N, C-alpha and C. Protein backbone atom coordinates (compact mmCIF):
# COMPACT_ATOMS: atom_id res chain seq x y z
N MET A 1 40.31 -10.33 -18.04
CA MET A 1 39.01 -10.42 -17.36
C MET A 1 38.05 -11.21 -18.25
N PRO A 2 37.41 -12.25 -17.72
CA PRO A 2 36.50 -13.03 -18.55
C PRO A 2 35.33 -12.20 -18.99
N HIS A 3 34.87 -12.51 -20.19
CA HIS A 3 33.73 -11.79 -20.75
C HIS A 3 32.45 -12.28 -20.09
N ARG A 4 31.60 -11.39 -19.63
CA ARG A 4 30.34 -11.76 -19.01
C ARG A 4 29.19 -11.27 -19.89
N SER A 5 28.34 -12.19 -20.29
CA SER A 5 27.24 -11.82 -21.17
C SER A 5 26.16 -11.09 -20.38
N VAL A 6 25.50 -10.18 -21.04
CA VAL A 6 24.43 -9.39 -20.42
C VAL A 6 23.10 -9.86 -21.00
N PRO A 7 22.15 -10.27 -20.14
CA PRO A 7 20.84 -10.71 -20.67
C PRO A 7 20.19 -9.60 -21.49
N GLN A 8 19.62 -9.97 -22.61
CA GLN A 8 18.94 -9.03 -23.47
C GLN A 8 17.43 -9.13 -23.26
N PRO A 9 16.72 -8.00 -23.33
CA PRO A 9 15.26 -8.05 -23.18
C PRO A 9 14.64 -8.85 -24.31
N ALA A 10 13.58 -9.57 -23.97
CA ALA A 10 12.91 -10.39 -24.97
C ALA A 10 12.26 -9.51 -26.02
N ALA A 11 12.32 -9.98 -27.25
CA ALA A 11 11.69 -9.23 -28.34
C ALA A 11 10.18 -9.31 -28.20
N PRO A 12 9.47 -8.24 -28.53
CA PRO A 12 8.01 -8.28 -28.43
C PRO A 12 7.42 -9.31 -29.37
N ASP A 13 6.34 -9.90 -28.94
CA ASP A 13 5.66 -10.92 -29.74
C ASP A 13 4.80 -10.22 -30.79
N GLU A 14 5.32 -10.14 -32.00
CA GLU A 14 4.61 -9.42 -33.06
C GLU A 14 3.34 -10.16 -33.48
N SER A 15 3.33 -11.49 -33.24
CA SER A 15 2.15 -12.25 -33.66
C SER A 15 0.92 -11.86 -32.86
N ALA A 16 1.13 -11.32 -31.65
CA ALA A 16 0.00 -10.94 -30.81
C ALA A 16 -0.62 -9.63 -31.26
N GLY A 17 0.10 -8.89 -32.09
CA GLY A 17 -0.43 -7.64 -32.61
C GLY A 17 -0.66 -6.59 -31.55
N GLY A 18 0.02 -6.73 -30.43
CA GLY A 18 -0.14 -5.75 -29.37
C GLY A 18 -1.43 -5.88 -28.59
N GLN A 19 -2.21 -6.95 -28.84
CA GLN A 19 -3.48 -7.15 -28.16
C GLN A 19 -3.27 -7.95 -26.86
N PRO A 20 -4.04 -7.66 -25.81
CA PRO A 20 -3.91 -8.44 -24.58
C PRO A 20 -4.34 -9.88 -24.79
N ALA A 21 -3.75 -10.79 -24.01
CA ALA A 21 -4.08 -12.20 -24.14
C ALA A 21 -5.52 -12.46 -23.71
N ASP A 22 -6.18 -13.38 -24.41
CA ASP A 22 -7.53 -13.79 -24.06
C ASP A 22 -7.42 -14.97 -23.10
N LEU A 23 -7.79 -14.76 -21.84
CA LEU A 23 -7.64 -15.78 -20.81
C LEU A 23 -8.69 -16.88 -20.89
N ARG A 24 -9.78 -16.62 -21.61
CA ARG A 24 -10.90 -17.55 -21.59
C ARG A 24 -10.57 -18.94 -22.13
N PRO A 25 -9.87 -19.09 -23.25
CA PRO A 25 -9.54 -20.45 -23.71
C PRO A 25 -8.65 -21.19 -22.72
N PHE A 26 -7.77 -20.46 -22.05
CA PHE A 26 -6.89 -21.10 -21.08
C PHE A 26 -7.69 -21.63 -19.89
N MET A 27 -8.57 -20.80 -19.34
CA MET A 27 -9.35 -21.22 -18.19
C MET A 27 -10.39 -22.27 -18.56
N ALA A 28 -10.84 -22.27 -19.81
CA ALA A 28 -11.78 -23.30 -20.24
C ALA A 28 -11.14 -24.68 -20.19
N ALA A 29 -9.82 -24.72 -20.29
CA ALA A 29 -9.08 -25.98 -20.24
C ALA A 29 -8.82 -26.44 -18.81
N PHE A 30 -9.40 -25.74 -17.84
CA PHE A 30 -9.23 -26.09 -16.43
C PHE A 30 -10.60 -26.39 -15.84
N PRO A 31 -11.08 -27.64 -15.94
CA PRO A 31 -12.42 -27.97 -15.47
C PRO A 31 -12.58 -27.70 -13.97
N THR A 32 -13.77 -27.23 -13.59
CA THR A 32 -14.04 -26.91 -12.20
C THR A 32 -15.45 -27.37 -11.83
N GLY A 33 -15.75 -27.28 -10.54
CA GLY A 33 -17.12 -27.46 -10.11
C GLY A 33 -17.93 -26.22 -10.44
N VAL A 34 -19.23 -26.31 -10.25
CA VAL A 34 -20.12 -25.20 -10.56
C VAL A 34 -20.88 -24.80 -9.30
N SER A 35 -20.95 -23.51 -9.04
CA SER A 35 -21.66 -23.04 -7.85
C SER A 35 -22.61 -21.91 -8.21
N VAL A 36 -23.54 -21.64 -7.30
CA VAL A 36 -24.40 -20.47 -7.39
C VAL A 36 -24.25 -19.69 -6.09
N VAL A 37 -23.85 -18.43 -6.22
CA VAL A 37 -23.74 -17.53 -5.08
C VAL A 37 -25.09 -16.87 -4.85
N THR A 38 -25.60 -16.93 -3.63
CA THR A 38 -26.90 -16.33 -3.34
C THR A 38 -26.80 -15.41 -2.11
N THR A 39 -27.64 -14.39 -2.10
CA THR A 39 -27.71 -13.48 -0.97
C THR A 39 -29.07 -12.81 -0.95
N LEU A 40 -29.37 -12.08 0.12
CA LEU A 40 -30.63 -11.35 0.25
C LEU A 40 -30.34 -9.88 0.48
N ASP A 41 -31.14 -9.01 -0.14
CA ASP A 41 -30.95 -7.58 0.11
C ASP A 41 -31.72 -7.17 1.37
N SER A 42 -31.72 -5.89 1.69
CA SER A 42 -32.34 -5.40 2.92
C SER A 42 -33.86 -5.57 2.92
N ASP A 43 -34.44 -5.80 1.75
CA ASP A 43 -35.89 -6.04 1.66
C ASP A 43 -36.22 -7.53 1.55
N SER A 44 -35.21 -8.36 1.83
CA SER A 44 -35.35 -9.83 1.77
C SER A 44 -35.62 -10.35 0.36
N VAL A 45 -35.21 -9.59 -0.65
CA VAL A 45 -35.31 -10.04 -2.05
C VAL A 45 -34.04 -10.84 -2.38
N PRO A 46 -34.19 -12.07 -2.90
CA PRO A 46 -33.01 -12.89 -3.19
C PRO A 46 -32.29 -12.45 -4.47
N HIS A 47 -30.99 -12.60 -4.46
CA HIS A 47 -30.14 -12.33 -5.62
C HIS A 47 -29.16 -13.48 -5.76
N GLY A 48 -28.74 -13.77 -6.99
CA GLY A 48 -27.80 -14.87 -7.17
C GLY A 48 -27.23 -14.93 -8.57
N LEU A 49 -26.11 -15.63 -8.68
CA LEU A 49 -25.44 -15.80 -9.97
C LEU A 49 -24.63 -17.08 -9.97
N THR A 50 -24.38 -17.60 -11.17
CA THR A 50 -23.53 -18.78 -11.33
C THR A 50 -22.06 -18.37 -11.26
N CYS A 51 -21.27 -19.17 -10.55
CA CYS A 51 -19.86 -18.85 -10.35
C CYS A 51 -19.02 -20.12 -10.41
N THR A 52 -17.98 -20.10 -11.23
CA THR A 52 -17.03 -21.21 -11.27
C THR A 52 -15.65 -20.79 -10.77
N SER A 53 -15.50 -19.51 -10.45
CA SER A 53 -14.20 -19.00 -10.01
C SER A 53 -14.20 -18.90 -8.49
N LEU A 54 -13.76 -19.98 -7.84
CA LEU A 54 -13.70 -20.01 -6.39
C LEU A 54 -12.57 -20.93 -5.95
N ALA A 55 -12.10 -20.71 -4.73
CA ALA A 55 -11.01 -21.52 -4.19
C ALA A 55 -10.99 -21.39 -2.68
N SER A 56 -10.46 -22.43 -2.02
CA SER A 56 -10.23 -22.33 -0.58
C SER A 56 -8.96 -21.52 -0.35
N VAL A 57 -8.94 -20.75 0.73
CA VAL A 57 -7.80 -19.90 1.05
C VAL A 57 -7.07 -20.39 2.30
N ALA A 58 -7.84 -20.74 3.34
CA ALA A 58 -7.25 -21.20 4.60
C ALA A 58 -8.22 -22.11 5.31
N LEU A 59 -7.68 -23.02 6.13
CA LEU A 59 -8.52 -23.89 6.93
C LEU A 59 -8.80 -23.29 8.30
N GLU A 60 -7.86 -22.51 8.83
CA GLU A 60 -8.04 -21.85 10.13
C GLU A 60 -7.59 -20.40 10.01
N PRO A 61 -8.52 -19.44 10.01
CA PRO A 61 -9.97 -19.67 9.98
C PRO A 61 -10.41 -20.16 8.61
N ALA A 62 -11.49 -20.91 8.59
CA ALA A 62 -12.00 -21.45 7.32
C ALA A 62 -12.39 -20.30 6.40
N THR A 63 -11.63 -20.16 5.32
CA THR A 63 -11.82 -19.00 4.43
C THR A 63 -11.77 -19.45 2.98
N LEU A 64 -12.62 -18.87 2.16
CA LEU A 64 -12.60 -19.12 0.72
C LEU A 64 -12.68 -17.79 -0.02
N VAL A 65 -12.45 -17.85 -1.33
CA VAL A 65 -12.54 -16.65 -2.16
C VAL A 65 -13.37 -16.97 -3.39
N VAL A 66 -14.25 -16.06 -3.74
CA VAL A 66 -15.00 -16.15 -4.99
C VAL A 66 -14.72 -14.87 -5.78
N CYS A 67 -14.61 -15.01 -7.09
CA CYS A 67 -14.34 -13.86 -7.96
C CYS A 67 -15.59 -13.59 -8.78
N ILE A 68 -16.09 -12.36 -8.66
CA ILE A 68 -17.37 -11.99 -9.26
C ILE A 68 -17.19 -10.74 -10.11
N ARG A 69 -17.90 -10.69 -11.22
CA ARG A 69 -17.85 -9.53 -12.11
C ARG A 69 -18.20 -8.26 -11.34
N ALA A 70 -17.37 -7.25 -11.48
CA ALA A 70 -17.51 -6.03 -10.67
C ALA A 70 -18.84 -5.33 -10.89
N ALA A 71 -19.42 -5.46 -12.10
CA ALA A 71 -20.68 -4.79 -12.40
C ALA A 71 -21.90 -5.60 -12.00
N SER A 72 -21.73 -6.75 -11.36
CA SER A 72 -22.85 -7.61 -11.02
C SER A 72 -23.73 -7.01 -9.94
N PRO A 73 -25.06 -6.96 -10.16
CA PRO A 73 -25.97 -6.50 -9.10
C PRO A 73 -25.91 -7.38 -7.86
N THR A 74 -25.69 -8.69 -8.06
CA THR A 74 -25.57 -9.59 -6.91
C THR A 74 -24.37 -9.22 -6.05
N LEU A 75 -23.26 -8.86 -6.69
CA LEU A 75 -22.08 -8.45 -5.93
C LEU A 75 -22.38 -7.22 -5.10
N ALA A 76 -23.09 -6.25 -5.67
CA ALA A 76 -23.41 -5.03 -4.94
C ALA A 76 -24.21 -5.34 -3.67
N VAL A 77 -25.18 -6.24 -3.78
CA VAL A 77 -25.98 -6.61 -2.60
C VAL A 77 -25.11 -7.37 -1.61
N LEU A 78 -24.33 -8.29 -2.10
CA LEU A 78 -23.46 -9.11 -1.25
C LEU A 78 -22.52 -8.24 -0.41
N LEU A 79 -21.95 -7.23 -1.04
CA LEU A 79 -21.02 -6.36 -0.33
C LEU A 79 -21.74 -5.47 0.68
N THR A 80 -22.96 -5.06 0.35
CA THR A 80 -23.73 -4.22 1.27
C THR A 80 -24.17 -5.01 2.50
N GLU A 81 -24.63 -6.25 2.27
CA GLU A 81 -25.16 -7.05 3.37
C GLU A 81 -24.07 -7.80 4.13
N GLY A 82 -22.96 -8.12 3.44
CA GLY A 82 -21.82 -8.73 4.11
C GLY A 82 -21.89 -10.23 4.31
N HIS A 83 -22.82 -10.91 3.64
CA HIS A 83 -22.89 -12.36 3.78
C HIS A 83 -23.53 -12.97 2.54
N PHE A 84 -23.31 -14.26 2.35
CA PHE A 84 -23.87 -14.97 1.20
C PHE A 84 -23.78 -16.46 1.46
N ALA A 85 -24.46 -17.22 0.59
CA ALA A 85 -24.36 -18.69 0.60
C ALA A 85 -23.75 -19.14 -0.71
N LEU A 86 -22.87 -20.12 -0.62
CA LEU A 86 -22.24 -20.68 -1.80
C LEU A 86 -22.81 -22.08 -2.00
N ASN A 87 -23.63 -22.25 -3.05
CA ASN A 87 -24.29 -23.51 -3.35
C ASN A 87 -23.51 -24.28 -4.41
N LEU A 88 -22.94 -25.42 -4.06
CA LEU A 88 -22.26 -26.26 -5.04
C LEU A 88 -23.30 -27.15 -5.72
N LEU A 89 -23.42 -27.04 -7.03
CA LEU A 89 -24.48 -27.74 -7.75
C LEU A 89 -24.14 -29.21 -7.99
N HIS A 90 -25.16 -30.05 -7.90
CA HIS A 90 -24.96 -31.46 -8.21
C HIS A 90 -25.13 -31.69 -9.71
N GLU A 91 -24.79 -32.89 -10.15
CA GLU A 91 -24.66 -33.16 -11.59
C GLU A 91 -25.98 -33.13 -12.36
N ARG A 92 -27.11 -33.07 -11.68
CA ARG A 92 -28.40 -32.97 -12.37
C ARG A 92 -28.93 -31.54 -12.40
N ALA A 93 -28.08 -30.59 -12.04
CA ALA A 93 -28.53 -29.19 -11.93
C ALA A 93 -27.97 -28.30 -13.04
N ARG A 94 -27.77 -28.85 -14.21
CA ARG A 94 -27.27 -28.03 -15.33
C ARG A 94 -28.23 -26.89 -15.66
N GLY A 95 -29.51 -27.17 -15.62
CA GLY A 95 -30.49 -26.14 -15.94
C GLY A 95 -30.42 -24.98 -14.96
N THR A 96 -30.18 -25.27 -13.70
CA THR A 96 -30.06 -24.21 -12.70
C THR A 96 -28.80 -23.38 -12.93
N SER A 97 -27.73 -24.02 -13.33
CA SER A 97 -26.51 -23.29 -13.66
C SER A 97 -26.77 -22.31 -14.80
N ASP A 98 -27.42 -22.78 -15.85
CA ASP A 98 -27.72 -21.92 -16.99
C ASP A 98 -28.69 -20.80 -16.60
N LEU A 99 -29.67 -21.13 -15.75
CA LEU A 99 -30.67 -20.16 -15.33
C LEU A 99 -30.02 -18.99 -14.58
N PHE A 100 -29.12 -19.29 -13.63
CA PHE A 100 -28.51 -18.23 -12.85
C PHE A 100 -27.40 -17.52 -13.62
N ALA A 101 -26.90 -18.14 -14.67
CA ALA A 101 -25.94 -17.45 -15.53
C ALA A 101 -26.65 -16.49 -16.48
N SER A 102 -27.94 -16.73 -16.73
CA SER A 102 -28.69 -15.91 -17.69
C SER A 102 -29.11 -14.57 -17.11
N GLY A 103 -29.18 -14.48 -15.79
CA GLY A 103 -29.65 -13.24 -15.18
C GLY A 103 -31.15 -13.06 -15.26
N ALA A 104 -31.91 -14.13 -15.54
CA ALA A 104 -33.36 -14.02 -15.64
C ALA A 104 -33.93 -13.46 -14.34
N PRO A 105 -34.79 -12.45 -14.42
CA PRO A 105 -35.30 -11.81 -13.21
C PRO A 105 -36.16 -12.72 -12.34
N ASP A 106 -36.73 -13.80 -12.93
CA ASP A 106 -37.58 -14.70 -12.17
C ASP A 106 -36.87 -15.98 -11.75
N ARG A 107 -35.55 -15.97 -11.73
CA ARG A 107 -34.81 -17.21 -11.51
C ARG A 107 -35.13 -17.86 -10.15
N PHE A 108 -35.37 -17.08 -9.12
CA PHE A 108 -35.68 -17.68 -7.83
C PHE A 108 -37.11 -18.22 -7.78
N ASP A 109 -37.96 -17.80 -8.71
CA ASP A 109 -39.31 -18.36 -8.80
C ASP A 109 -39.29 -19.72 -9.49
N ARG A 110 -38.20 -20.04 -10.13
CA ARG A 110 -38.13 -21.27 -10.93
C ARG A 110 -37.27 -22.36 -10.30
N VAL A 111 -36.82 -22.13 -9.07
CA VAL A 111 -36.05 -23.14 -8.35
C VAL A 111 -36.61 -23.28 -6.94
N GLU A 112 -36.26 -24.39 -6.31
CA GLU A 112 -36.67 -24.62 -4.92
C GLU A 112 -35.57 -24.09 -4.00
N TRP A 113 -35.95 -23.25 -3.05
CA TRP A 113 -34.96 -22.73 -2.12
C TRP A 113 -35.60 -22.45 -0.77
N ARG A 114 -34.75 -22.39 0.24
CA ARG A 114 -35.23 -22.04 1.58
C ARG A 114 -34.12 -21.26 2.28
N LEU A 115 -34.47 -20.66 3.39
CA LEU A 115 -33.53 -19.83 4.14
C LEU A 115 -33.48 -20.33 5.58
N PRO A 116 -32.60 -21.29 5.87
CA PRO A 116 -32.49 -21.79 7.24
C PRO A 116 -32.03 -20.68 8.20
N LEU A 117 -32.31 -20.86 9.47
CA LEU A 117 -31.90 -19.91 10.49
C LEU A 117 -30.39 -19.74 10.46
N GLY A 118 -29.91 -18.52 10.34
CA GLY A 118 -28.48 -18.25 10.32
C GLY A 118 -27.82 -18.41 8.97
N ALA A 119 -28.60 -18.66 7.91
CA ALA A 119 -28.02 -18.84 6.58
C ALA A 119 -27.48 -17.53 6.04
N GLY A 120 -26.42 -17.62 5.22
CA GLY A 120 -25.87 -16.42 4.61
C GLY A 120 -26.65 -15.98 3.40
N GLY A 121 -27.47 -16.87 2.85
CA GLY A 121 -28.27 -16.59 1.66
C GLY A 121 -29.14 -17.80 1.38
N PRO A 122 -30.00 -17.73 0.37
CA PRO A 122 -30.86 -18.86 0.04
C PRO A 122 -30.08 -20.14 -0.25
N HIS A 123 -30.58 -21.25 0.28
CA HIS A 123 -30.04 -22.58 -0.02
C HIS A 123 -30.87 -23.19 -1.14
N LEU A 124 -30.21 -23.58 -2.22
CA LEU A 124 -30.91 -24.21 -3.35
C LEU A 124 -31.09 -25.69 -3.03
N THR A 125 -32.13 -26.01 -2.31
CA THR A 125 -32.29 -27.33 -1.71
C THR A 125 -32.40 -28.47 -2.73
N ALA A 126 -32.96 -28.20 -3.89
CA ALA A 126 -33.13 -29.26 -4.89
C ALA A 126 -31.94 -29.38 -5.83
N ASP A 127 -31.03 -28.43 -5.81
CA ASP A 127 -29.97 -28.39 -6.82
C ASP A 127 -28.55 -28.43 -6.26
N ALA A 128 -28.38 -28.24 -4.97
CA ALA A 128 -27.03 -28.18 -4.39
C ALA A 128 -26.72 -29.46 -3.61
N HIS A 129 -25.50 -29.95 -3.76
CA HIS A 129 -25.07 -31.10 -2.95
C HIS A 129 -24.25 -30.64 -1.74
N ALA A 130 -23.88 -29.37 -1.70
CA ALA A 130 -23.18 -28.80 -0.55
C ALA A 130 -23.40 -27.30 -0.54
N VAL A 131 -23.52 -26.73 0.67
CA VAL A 131 -23.74 -25.30 0.81
C VAL A 131 -22.85 -24.77 1.93
N ALA A 132 -22.18 -23.65 1.67
CA ALA A 132 -21.37 -22.97 2.68
C ALA A 132 -21.99 -21.61 2.95
N ASP A 133 -22.27 -21.34 4.21
CA ASP A 133 -22.77 -20.02 4.62
C ASP A 133 -21.56 -19.18 5.02
N CYS A 134 -21.43 -18.00 4.39
CA CYS A 134 -20.20 -17.23 4.48
C CYS A 134 -20.44 -15.78 4.90
N ALA A 135 -19.43 -15.21 5.56
CA ALA A 135 -19.42 -13.80 5.93
C ALA A 135 -18.23 -13.12 5.27
N VAL A 136 -18.47 -12.02 4.60
CA VAL A 136 -17.41 -11.31 3.89
C VAL A 136 -16.42 -10.71 4.89
N VAL A 137 -15.12 -10.94 4.64
CA VAL A 137 -14.09 -10.38 5.52
C VAL A 137 -13.17 -9.41 4.79
N ARG A 138 -13.08 -9.54 3.46
CA ARG A 138 -12.20 -8.64 2.70
C ARG A 138 -12.56 -8.73 1.23
N THR A 139 -12.34 -7.65 0.50
CA THR A 139 -12.52 -7.66 -0.94
C THR A 139 -11.32 -7.00 -1.61
N VAL A 140 -11.00 -7.48 -2.80
CA VAL A 140 -9.92 -6.90 -3.59
C VAL A 140 -10.42 -6.74 -5.02
N GLY A 141 -10.49 -5.52 -5.50
CA GLY A 141 -10.90 -5.27 -6.87
C GLY A 141 -9.70 -5.32 -7.80
N PHE A 142 -9.86 -6.00 -8.92
CA PHE A 142 -8.79 -6.05 -9.91
C PHE A 142 -9.41 -6.19 -11.28
N GLY A 143 -9.14 -5.21 -12.16
CA GLY A 143 -9.70 -5.27 -13.50
C GLY A 143 -11.22 -5.25 -13.45
N ASP A 144 -11.84 -6.19 -14.17
CA ASP A 144 -13.30 -6.20 -14.25
C ASP A 144 -13.95 -7.12 -13.23
N HIS A 145 -13.17 -7.64 -12.27
CA HIS A 145 -13.71 -8.53 -11.26
C HIS A 145 -13.32 -8.08 -9.85
N THR A 146 -14.06 -8.61 -8.88
CA THR A 146 -13.75 -8.37 -7.48
C THR A 146 -13.59 -9.71 -6.78
N ALA A 147 -12.48 -9.88 -6.09
CA ALA A 147 -12.25 -11.09 -5.29
C ALA A 147 -12.84 -10.86 -3.91
N VAL A 148 -13.76 -11.73 -3.53
CA VAL A 148 -14.43 -11.63 -2.24
C VAL A 148 -13.91 -12.73 -1.32
N PHE A 149 -13.20 -12.34 -0.28
CA PHE A 149 -12.71 -13.29 0.70
C PHE A 149 -13.76 -13.40 1.81
N ALA A 150 -14.11 -14.63 2.17
CA ALA A 150 -15.19 -14.83 3.13
C ALA A 150 -14.86 -15.94 4.10
N GLU A 151 -15.25 -15.73 5.36
CA GLU A 151 -15.10 -16.76 6.37
C GLU A 151 -16.32 -17.66 6.34
N VAL A 152 -16.07 -18.96 6.31
CA VAL A 152 -17.16 -19.94 6.25
C VAL A 152 -17.66 -20.18 7.67
N ARG A 153 -18.94 -19.90 7.90
CA ARG A 153 -19.53 -20.06 9.22
C ARG A 153 -20.18 -21.43 9.40
N ARG A 154 -20.66 -22.03 8.31
CA ARG A 154 -21.34 -23.32 8.42
C ARG A 154 -21.31 -24.01 7.06
N VAL A 155 -21.18 -25.34 7.09
CA VAL A 155 -21.17 -26.13 5.86
C VAL A 155 -22.21 -27.23 5.97
N THR A 156 -23.01 -27.40 4.92
CA THR A 156 -24.01 -28.46 4.84
C THR A 156 -23.69 -29.31 3.62
N VAL A 157 -23.56 -30.63 3.81
CA VAL A 157 -23.17 -31.52 2.71
C VAL A 157 -24.16 -32.66 2.61
N ARG A 158 -24.55 -32.96 1.38
CA ARG A 158 -25.39 -34.13 1.08
C ARG A 158 -24.52 -35.19 0.43
N ASP A 159 -24.46 -36.37 1.02
CA ASP A 159 -23.61 -37.43 0.49
C ASP A 159 -24.26 -38.23 -0.62
N ASP A 160 -25.54 -37.98 -0.90
CA ASP A 160 -26.24 -38.78 -1.90
C ASP A 160 -26.22 -38.15 -3.29
N ARG A 161 -25.51 -37.04 -3.47
CA ARG A 161 -25.42 -36.38 -4.77
C ARG A 161 -23.96 -36.18 -5.16
N GLN A 162 -23.70 -36.11 -6.46
CA GLN A 162 -22.34 -35.93 -6.98
C GLN A 162 -22.22 -34.57 -7.66
N PRO A 163 -21.00 -34.00 -7.71
CA PRO A 163 -20.81 -32.65 -8.25
C PRO A 163 -21.03 -32.55 -9.76
N LEU A 164 -21.41 -31.34 -10.16
CA LEU A 164 -21.48 -30.97 -11.58
C LEU A 164 -20.15 -30.32 -11.95
N LEU A 165 -19.59 -30.71 -13.09
CA LEU A 165 -18.32 -30.16 -13.56
C LEU A 165 -18.54 -29.31 -14.81
N TYR A 166 -17.64 -28.36 -15.03
CA TYR A 166 -17.71 -27.53 -16.24
C TYR A 166 -16.30 -27.26 -16.75
N GLY A 167 -16.10 -27.49 -18.04
CA GLY A 167 -14.81 -27.22 -18.67
C GLY A 167 -14.94 -27.37 -20.17
N LEU A 168 -14.06 -26.71 -20.90
CA LEU A 168 -14.10 -26.74 -22.37
C LEU A 168 -15.49 -26.37 -22.88
N ARG A 169 -16.14 -25.45 -22.15
CA ARG A 169 -17.45 -24.90 -22.52
C ARG A 169 -18.56 -25.95 -22.57
N ARG A 170 -18.44 -26.98 -21.73
CA ARG A 170 -19.52 -27.94 -21.61
C ARG A 170 -19.51 -28.56 -20.22
N TYR A 171 -20.66 -29.15 -19.87
CA TYR A 171 -20.83 -29.77 -18.57
C TYR A 171 -20.44 -31.25 -18.63
N ALA A 172 -20.13 -31.78 -17.45
CA ALA A 172 -19.89 -33.22 -17.32
C ALA A 172 -20.24 -33.63 -15.90
N PRO A 173 -20.84 -34.81 -15.72
CA PRO A 173 -21.15 -35.29 -14.38
C PRO A 173 -19.93 -35.92 -13.72
N TRP A 174 -19.77 -35.68 -12.44
CA TRP A 174 -18.63 -36.27 -11.72
C TRP A 174 -18.70 -37.79 -11.74
N SER A 175 -19.89 -38.36 -11.65
CA SER A 175 -20.02 -39.82 -11.61
C SER A 175 -19.45 -40.45 -12.87
N ALA A 176 -19.63 -39.80 -14.03
CA ALA A 176 -19.08 -40.34 -15.27
C ALA A 176 -17.56 -40.22 -15.28
N ALA A 177 -17.05 -39.09 -14.79
CA ALA A 177 -15.59 -38.92 -14.76
C ALA A 177 -14.95 -39.90 -13.79
N ALA A 178 -15.58 -40.13 -12.63
CA ALA A 178 -15.02 -41.03 -11.63
C ALA A 178 -15.11 -42.49 -12.06
N ALA A 179 -16.06 -42.79 -12.95
CA ALA A 179 -16.24 -44.17 -13.40
C ALA A 179 -15.28 -44.55 -14.51
N ALA A 180 -14.58 -43.59 -15.09
CA ALA A 180 -13.65 -43.89 -16.18
C ALA A 180 -12.52 -44.77 -15.66
N PRO A 181 -12.10 -45.79 -16.43
CA PRO A 181 -11.02 -46.67 -15.97
C PRO A 181 -9.71 -45.90 -15.79
N GLN A 182 -8.97 -46.26 -14.77
CA GLN A 182 -7.70 -45.61 -14.50
C GLN A 182 -6.65 -46.11 -15.50
N PRO A 183 -5.71 -45.25 -15.91
CA PRO A 183 -4.65 -45.70 -16.82
C PRO A 183 -3.78 -46.75 -16.16
N ALA A 184 -3.27 -47.66 -16.99
CA ALA A 184 -2.41 -48.72 -16.47
C ALA A 184 -1.13 -48.13 -15.90
N ALA A 185 -0.65 -48.72 -14.82
CA ALA A 185 0.59 -48.25 -14.20
C ALA A 185 1.77 -48.50 -15.14
N GLN A 186 2.67 -47.55 -15.18
CA GLN A 186 3.84 -47.65 -16.03
C GLN A 186 5.06 -48.07 -15.22
N PRO A 187 5.94 -48.88 -15.79
CA PRO A 187 7.15 -49.29 -15.05
C PRO A 187 8.04 -48.08 -14.77
N THR A 188 8.69 -48.10 -13.62
CA THR A 188 9.59 -47.03 -13.24
C THR A 188 10.93 -47.25 -13.92
N PRO A 189 11.44 -46.26 -14.70
CA PRO A 189 12.73 -46.45 -15.36
C PRO A 189 13.86 -46.53 -14.33
N HIS A 190 14.83 -47.40 -14.58
CA HIS A 190 15.98 -47.56 -13.68
C HIS A 190 17.16 -46.83 -14.28
N ARG A 191 17.13 -45.53 -14.14
CA ARG A 191 18.20 -44.73 -14.72
C ARG A 191 19.50 -44.96 -13.97
N GLY A 192 20.55 -45.08 -14.71
CA GLY A 192 21.87 -45.18 -14.11
C GLY A 192 22.30 -46.58 -13.75
N LEU A 193 21.41 -47.57 -13.82
CA LEU A 193 21.78 -48.94 -13.52
C LEU A 193 22.12 -49.70 -14.80
N PRO A 194 23.21 -50.46 -14.78
CA PRO A 194 23.50 -51.30 -15.94
C PRO A 194 22.36 -52.28 -16.17
N ALA A 195 22.18 -52.67 -17.40
CA ALA A 195 21.08 -53.56 -17.75
C ALA A 195 21.12 -54.84 -16.93
N ALA A 196 22.34 -55.36 -16.64
CA ALA A 196 22.47 -56.62 -15.91
C ALA A 196 21.98 -56.52 -14.47
N LEU A 197 21.94 -55.31 -13.92
CA LEU A 197 21.54 -55.13 -12.53
C LEU A 197 20.08 -54.73 -12.38
N ARG A 198 19.39 -54.48 -13.49
CA ARG A 198 18.01 -54.08 -13.42
C ARG A 198 17.12 -55.28 -13.15
N PRO A 199 16.11 -55.16 -12.29
CA PRO A 199 15.22 -56.30 -12.02
C PRO A 199 14.47 -56.70 -13.27
N ALA A 200 14.40 -58.00 -13.48
CA ALA A 200 13.73 -58.51 -14.68
C ALA A 200 12.22 -58.51 -14.48
N ALA A 201 11.51 -58.25 -15.57
CA ALA A 201 10.04 -58.31 -15.52
C ALA A 201 9.60 -59.76 -15.66
N PRO A 202 8.56 -60.16 -14.97
CA PRO A 202 8.05 -61.54 -15.12
C PRO A 202 7.58 -61.78 -16.53
N GLU A 203 7.64 -63.05 -16.95
CA GLU A 203 7.23 -63.38 -18.30
C GLU A 203 5.75 -63.05 -18.49
N GLY A 204 5.49 -62.44 -19.66
CA GLY A 204 4.12 -62.15 -20.01
C GLY A 204 3.52 -60.98 -19.27
N GLY A 205 4.31 -60.20 -18.54
CA GLY A 205 3.76 -59.08 -17.79
C GLY A 205 4.76 -57.96 -17.65
N THR A 206 4.39 -56.97 -16.90
CA THR A 206 5.24 -55.81 -16.67
C THR A 206 5.51 -55.70 -15.18
N ARG A 207 6.73 -55.46 -14.83
CA ARG A 207 7.09 -55.28 -13.42
C ARG A 207 6.85 -53.83 -13.04
N VAL A 208 6.13 -53.64 -11.99
CA VAL A 208 5.86 -52.30 -11.49
C VAL A 208 6.60 -52.12 -10.19
N VAL A 209 7.47 -51.12 -10.14
CA VAL A 209 8.24 -50.83 -8.95
C VAL A 209 7.51 -49.76 -8.16
N ARG A 210 7.22 -50.00 -6.90
CA ARG A 210 6.48 -49.05 -6.06
C ARG A 210 7.42 -48.44 -5.03
């Protein structure tokens, strides 16, 4: 009977010292757009926070998810009222991102905002290049955050502004990233073909196979 090896369990990583992994450096290496989640409580007092943890979930029905710290007062209001606005900040709104991340109690007094008819929360008219008005459909708590799944009821987009990006613990404007020159195309390797059968590159240049 042939010998069959049995997989062995991986040895514990002693270098980690038994400590849980710190996810922050990993996620810092994944640049994202920057948004501000806004909502109103039952007394029409606005609440909001800066959020970079969001993603689209489905196109039909139009659904997205935002992940918010479980202890956030804004989250408590959002869950009670069942709706919010997601403001995507443009590249000149770094100060607004920092303001709403600070939790300053007067943050809505220091920005321009309005509440259109049917809005899920305040629209940051001077700082957002796109706004989605959302209704909460489901929540999932995990660890120290809550994932809020929401159906998008309306989207407003301004084409004259560009997104603000955040990664590696610093901001960057989309216009600067988009203006960077594209890397030169690389020739496609012809694996498996004898050298004599490979197409020759023109003199003084590189042949690009598409």
